[in-house]
């Protein structure tokens, strides 16, 4: 279950990071790049990975699943600040949500990621795919 604190943290991150090329905290070299469903290269930078795993050390075990969720999600939903929420079920009733932004047709980046057993609030959002 996503706590209120978790929702606030996600909302603040999505609102404050608009373009990593113009954001001093996101200038690190990409660790990995994977194509989104829209065929936009999505970067996972060292800074974002540190941010994700510092707050949620259990996410380190899901590195490949995070990348897979971007390229092969179960569903995509529209965020509140032009971000995209990619969802995949990693276990029965356990979902991986990857929040990312497509800045242009040639560039995008991961904002954050989390695991939730409750996806009803996400499923109420506008569905982008399929």
Protein backbone atom coordinates (compact mmCIF):
# COMPACT_ATOMS: atom_id res chain seq x y z
CA UNK A 1 0.00 0.00 0.00
CA UNK A 2 1.31 3.47 -0.89
CA UNK A 3 1.39 5.71 2.17
CA UNK A 4 0.40 9.36 2.03
CA UNK A 5 4.08 10.20 2.42
CA UNK A 6 4.89 8.02 -0.59
CA UNK A 7 2.24 9.78 -2.69
CA UNK A 8 3.55 13.20 -1.71
CA UNK A 9 7.13 12.17 -2.48
CA UNK A 10 6.11 10.87 -5.92
CA UNK A 11 4.02 13.96 -6.66
CA UNK A 12 6.84 16.31 -5.65
CA UNK A 13 9.39 14.40 -7.72
CA UNK A 14 7.17 14.44 -10.81
CA UNK A 15 6.43 18.15 -10.48
CA UNK A 16 10.01 19.24 -9.84
CA UNK A 17 11.90 17.23 -12.46
CA UNK A 18 10.90 18.44 -15.89
CA UNK A 19 13.99 17.85 -17.97
CA UNK A 20 17.11 16.17 -16.65
CA UNK A 21 19.23 18.03 -19.16
CA UNK A 22 18.30 21.27 -17.37
CA UNK A 23 18.18 19.85 -13.85
CA UNK A 24 21.47 19.85 -11.96
CA UNK A 25 20.63 16.69 -10.00
CA UNK A 26 19.98 14.58 -13.10
CA UNK A 27 23.09 15.29 -15.15
CA UNK A 28 24.74 11.98 -14.39
CA UNK A 29 25.57 9.55 -17.15
CA UNK A 30 22.82 7.05 -17.96
CA UNK A 31 23.34 3.64 -16.41
CA UNK A 32 20.83 2.06 -18.77
CA UNK A 33 18.57 3.10 -21.62
CA UNK A 34 15.51 1.18 -22.75
CA UNK A 35 12.85 2.01 -25.38
CA UNK A 36 9.35 2.88 -24.19
CA UNK A 37 6.20 1.64 -25.93
CA UNK A 38 6.41 4.87 -27.96
CA UNK A 39 9.96 3.88 -28.98
CA UNK A 40 11.44 6.79 -26.99
CA UNK A 41 14.78 5.98 -25.33
CA UNK A 42 14.21 6.18 -21.56
CA UNK A 43 17.30 6.71 -19.39
CA UNK A 44 17.94 5.44 -15.90
CA UNK A 45 20.69 7.69 -14.54
CA UNK A 46 22.99 6.94 -11.64
CA UNK A 47 21.42 9.82 -9.70
CA UNK A 48 17.88 8.46 -10.13
CA UNK A 49 18.99 4.92 -9.25
CA UNK A 50 20.64 6.22 -6.08
CA UNK A 51 17.48 8.18 -5.25
CA UNK A 52 15.27 5.12 -5.78
CA UNK A 53 17.41 2.64 -3.86
CA UNK A 54 18.30 5.05 -1.04
CA UNK A 55 14.66 5.49 -0.11
CA UNK A 56 13.66 1.92 -0.95
CA UNK A 57 16.65 -0.47 -0.75
CA UNK A 58 14.41 -3.40 -1.70
CA UNK A 59 14.13 -1.90 -5.21
CA UNK A 60 17.76 -2.85 -5.98
CA UNK A 61 16.58 -6.42 -6.62
CA UNK A 62 14.18 -5.15 -9.32
CA UNK A 63 16.66 -3.37 -11.60
CA UNK A 64 15.92 -5.52 -14.67
CA UNK A 65 12.19 -5.62 -13.92
CA UNK A 66 12.12 -1.82 -13.87
CA UNK A 67 13.65 -1.67 -17.34
CA UNK A 68 11.34 -4.44 -18.59
CA UNK A 69 8.30 -2.58 -17.23
CA UNK A 70 9.14 0.42 -19.41
CA UNK A 71 9.57 -1.57 -22.63
CA UNK A 72 6.90 -4.23 -21.97
CA UNK A 73 4.35 -2.90 -19.45
CA UNK A 74 1.01 -4.50 -18.65
CA UNK A 75 -0.52 -1.01 -18.88
CA UNK A 76 0.41 2.67 -19.17
CA UNK A 77 -1.41 5.47 -17.37
CA UNK A 78 -1.24 9.25 -17.58
CA UNK A 79 0.34 11.08 -14.63
CA UNK A 80 -0.54 14.47 -13.23
CA UNK A 81 2.51 16.31 -14.58
CA UNK A 82 2.96 14.85 -18.10
CA UNK A 83 4.70 11.76 -16.73
CA UNK A 84 3.74 8.19 -17.62
CA UNK A 85 3.10 5.41 -15.13
CA UNK A 86 4.11 1.99 -16.46
CA UNK A 87 2.64 -0.94 -14.54
CA UNK A 88 3.53 -4.62 -14.48
CA UNK A 89 2.52 -7.42 -12.13
CA UNK A 90 5.68 -8.93 -10.67
CA UNK A 91 3.89 -11.45 -8.43
CA UNK A 92 0.27 -12.33 -7.84
CA UNK A 93 -1.22 -9.11 -6.45
CA UNK A 94 2.14 -7.27 -6.37
CA UNK A 95 2.74 -4.51 -8.93
CA UNK A 96 5.80 -2.59 -10.04
CA UNK A 97 5.06 1.01 -11.02
CA UNK A 98 7.71 2.93 -12.97
CA UNK A 99 7.17 6.66 -13.35
CA UNK A 100 8.96 8.22 -16.31
CA UNK A 101 8.79 11.18 -18.63
CA UNK A 102 9.17 11.38 -22.40
CA UNK A 103 10.78 14.79 -22.94
CA UNK A 104 10.88 14.42 -26.73
CA UNK A 105 10.65 11.66 -29.35
CA UNK A 106 14.38 11.03 -28.75
CA UNK A 107 14.75 11.39 -24.99
CA UNK A 108 13.12 10.41 -21.72
CA UNK A 109 14.06 9.53 -18.16
CA UNK A 110 12.88 7.59 -15.13
CA UNK A 111 11.60 9.74 -12.26
CA UNK A 112 10.94 7.06 -9.65
CA UNK A 113 9.59 3.57 -9.13
CA UNK A 114 7.77 1.71 -6.39
CA UNK A 115 5.96 -1.51 -5.56
CA UNK A 116 2.32 -1.61 -4.54
CA UNK A 117 -0.29 -4.23 -3.86
CA UNK A 118 -3.02 -1.65 -4.48
CA UNK A 119 -3.30 -0.35 -8.03
CA UNK A 120 -6.91 0.83 -7.98
CA UNK A 121 -5.89 4.49 -7.63
CA UNK A 122 -3.56 4.16 -10.61
CA UNK A 123 -6.19 2.34 -12.68
CA UNK A 124 -8.55 5.32 -12.16
CA UNK A 125 -6.19 7.47 -14.20
CA UNK A 126 -6.47 7.92 -17.94
CA UNK A 127 -5.23 4.75 -19.60
CA UNK A 128 -2.71 5.35 -22.38
CA UNK A 129 -2.05 1.76 -23.39
CA UNK A 130 -3.38 -0.84 -24.26
